Amino acid sequence: MRRHLRLIAYSSLCGFVAMPFLSHASTDHLSPNLKRAVECMLSILRTTPGITDVTISDDPRWFCLGYSPAEETRWVGLTQFCLQSERGDPSGPYDFTGSFPGIWGARETPDIHVSKGIMDKWNAKCGVRANGVFN
C-alpha cells in the first residue's frame, strides 16, 4: 500500500490546509492539457463510492481539489490535493500532493483505502502523479 504513497514533507502544506474551497469554482484558467487531467480527476471523484463534498479551490495561485472520504480515520477537514507546479512538460504528468488531515493514535495506521484507490486511478488514467502527506 505504501509503495504508491510517497510521504513527502513540505513546510508549505500548512499554508493550503485552511484555503477556501468552492464546489462551483472554474477550471477555465487552466491550460488545455491540465484542464483535461483535472476533469478526469473530478470525474473519478464524482463516481467513486464513499466520496462526498467534492470541491475545487477558488484561488488560481493554488489549484486544489478537495473531498471527504468515507474512511475509518477521523479527518479534521477535507482531504486536499494541490497542483505543485504546471512547469515542465506542458502535456504532463502533473504533480498533485495530497494532505490527509487526520487524527489517529501513535500505534495506529491511518485508513486511506478510499483515497489510495483515488490516487491509483488518477495516476493510471489522468496524466498526473498524485502522492500524499499526513499532517
Protein backbone atom coordinates (compact mmCIF):
# COMPACT_ATOMS: atom_id res chain seq x y z
CA MET A 1 0.00 0.00 0.00
CA ARG A 2 2.74 2.46 0.88
CA ARG A 3 4.64 1.64 -2.29
CA HIS A 4 2.39 4.05 -4.22
CA LEU A 5 2.13 6.60 -1.44
CA ARG A 6 5.27 8.65 -1.04
CA LEU A 7 5.27 10.58 2.17
CA ILE A 8 6.67 13.99 1.40
CA ALA A 9 7.36 16.68 3.97
CA TYR A 10 6.58 20.17 2.77
CA SER A 11 6.72 23.02 5.22
CA SER A 12 4.30 24.92 2.97
CA LEU A 13 1.49 22.37 3.35
CA CYS A 14 0.05 24.16 6.32
CA GLY A 15 -0.46 27.14 4.05
CA PHE A 16 -3.13 25.48 1.94
CA VAL A 17 -4.93 23.46 4.57
CA ALA A 18 -7.18 26.35 5.52
CA MET A 19 -7.73 27.67 1.98
CA PRO A 20 -11.32 28.35 0.97
CA PHE A 21 -12.92 25.82 -1.34
CA LEU A 22 -15.97 26.31 -3.51
CA SER A 23 -17.68 23.49 -5.35
CA HIS A 24 -18.54 25.82 -8.25
CA ALA A 25 -15.04 27.21 -8.93
CA SER A 26 -13.97 27.07 -12.56
CA THR A 27 -11.17 25.25 -14.34
CA ASP A 28 -11.24 27.77 -17.22
CA HIS A 29 -7.92 29.38 -16.22
CA LEU A 30 -6.03 26.08 -16.63
CA SER A 31 -4.07 25.09 -19.73
CA PRO A 32 -5.98 22.70 -22.03
CA ASN A 33 -3.92 19.63 -21.05
CA LEU A 34 -4.11 20.37 -17.34
CA LYS A 35 -7.83 21.05 -17.66
CA ARG A 36 -8.30 17.58 -19.24
CA ALA A 37 -6.32 16.00 -16.41
CA VAL A 38 -8.37 17.83 -13.77
CA GLU A 39 -11.67 16.95 -15.45
CA CYS A 40 -10.55 13.29 -15.38
CA MET A 41 -9.71 13.61 -11.67
CA LEU A 42 -13.09 15.22 -10.95
CA SER A 43 -14.93 12.51 -12.88
CA ILE A 44 -13.23 9.83 -10.79
CA LEU A 45 -14.04 11.68 -7.55
CA ARG A 46 -17.68 12.16 -8.51
CA THR A 47 -18.20 8.50 -9.46
CA THR A 48 -16.32 6.81 -6.61
CA PRO A 49 -18.46 5.41 -3.77
CA GLY A 50 -17.52 6.86 -0.38
CA ILE A 51 -16.58 10.32 -1.71
CA THR A 52 -18.59 13.40 -0.79
CA ASP A 53 -18.10 17.18 -0.73
CA VAL A 54 -16.04 17.37 -3.95
CA THR A 55 -14.61 20.86 -4.27
CA ILE A 56 -12.28 22.94 -6.42
CA SER A 57 -10.20 25.75 -4.95
CA ASP A 58 -11.20 29.29 -5.82
CA ASP A 59 -7.63 30.61 -5.73
CA PRO A 60 -5.80 30.46 -9.10
CA ARG A 61 -2.42 30.61 -7.31
CA TRP A 62 -3.10 27.28 -5.58
CA PHE A 63 -5.20 24.94 -7.66
CA CYS A 64 -6.56 22.22 -5.36
CA LEU A 65 -9.23 19.54 -5.39
CA GLY A 66 -10.84 18.60 -2.09
CA TYR A 67 -13.17 15.85 -0.92
CA SER A 68 -14.40 13.95 2.13
CA PRO A 69 -13.62 10.21 2.00
CA ALA A 70 -15.53 7.55 3.95
CA GLU A 71 -12.52 6.17 5.83
CA GLU A 72 -12.01 4.87 9.37
CA THR A 73 -9.57 7.64 10.27
CA ARG A 74 -11.25 10.75 11.64
CA TRP A 75 -10.36 13.55 9.25
CA VAL A 76 -10.44 17.09 10.65
CA GLY A 77 -11.06 18.69 7.28
CA LEU A 78 -11.19 17.94 3.59
CA THR A 79 -8.59 15.74 2.01
CA GLN A 80 -6.97 18.13 -0.46
CA PHE A 81 -4.76 17.53 -3.48
CA CYS A 82 -2.98 20.62 -4.78
CA LEU A 83 -1.09 21.13 -8.01
CA GLN A 84 2.58 21.57 -7.21
CA SER A 85 3.54 23.25 -10.46
CA GLU A 86 2.48 23.45 -14.06
CA ARG A 87 6.14 23.78 -15.08
CA GLY A 88 7.94 21.14 -17.07
CA ASP A 89 6.29 19.27 -19.89
CA PRO A 90 3.02 21.08 -20.66
CA SER A 91 1.41 17.76 -21.60
CA GLY A 92 2.03 16.32 -18.13
CA PRO A 93 2.23 14.40 -16.00
CA TYR A 94 1.20 16.97 -13.41
CA ASP A 95 2.21 16.60 -9.76
CA PHE A 96 -0.52 16.82 -7.12
CA THR A 97 0.32 16.49 -3.43
CA GLY A 98 -2.47 15.48 -1.09
CA SER A 99 -2.93 16.48 2.51
CA PHE A 100 -4.56 13.96 4.88
CA PRO A 101 -5.63 15.98 7.94
CA GLY A 102 -6.35 13.08 10.26
CA ILE A 103 -6.31 12.14 13.91
CA TRP A 104 -5.01 8.72 14.89
CA GLY A 105 -3.16 7.08 17.73
CA ALA A 106 0.62 6.66 17.82
CA ARG A 107 0.39 2.91 17.15
CA GLU A 108 -2.36 3.13 14.53
CA THR A 109 -2.01 3.15 10.77
CA PRO A 110 -4.24 5.76 9.14
CA ASP A 111 -7.01 4.32 6.98
CA ILE A 112 -6.74 5.80 3.49
CA HIS A 113 -8.25 2.93 1.49
CA VAL A 114 -10.66 5.20 -0.41
CA SER A 115 -8.01 7.87 -1.07
CA LYS A 116 -5.46 5.23 -2.08
CA GLY A 117 -7.90 3.96 -4.69
CA ILE A 118 -8.48 7.51 -5.91
CA MET A 119 -4.72 8.17 -6.24
CA ASP A 120 -4.20 4.86 -8.08
CA LYS A 121 -6.97 5.71 -10.58
CA TRP A 122 -5.70 9.28 -11.07
CA ASN A 123 -2.14 8.06 -11.65
CA ALA A 124 -3.28 5.40 -14.14
CA LYS A 125 -5.90 7.37 -16.08
CA CYS A 126 -5.44 11.14 -15.73
CA GLY A 127 -1.85 12.01 -16.60
CA VAL A 128 -0.98 13.03 -13.04
CA ARG A 129 1.30 11.88 -10.26
CA ALA A 130 -0.71 12.03 -7.05
CA ASN A 131 1.06 11.49 -3.73
CA GLY A 132 0.02 12.21 -0.18
CA VAL A 133 1.31 13.50 3.13
CA PHE A 134 -0.08 13.21 6.62
CA ASN A 135 -0.32 16.35 8.71
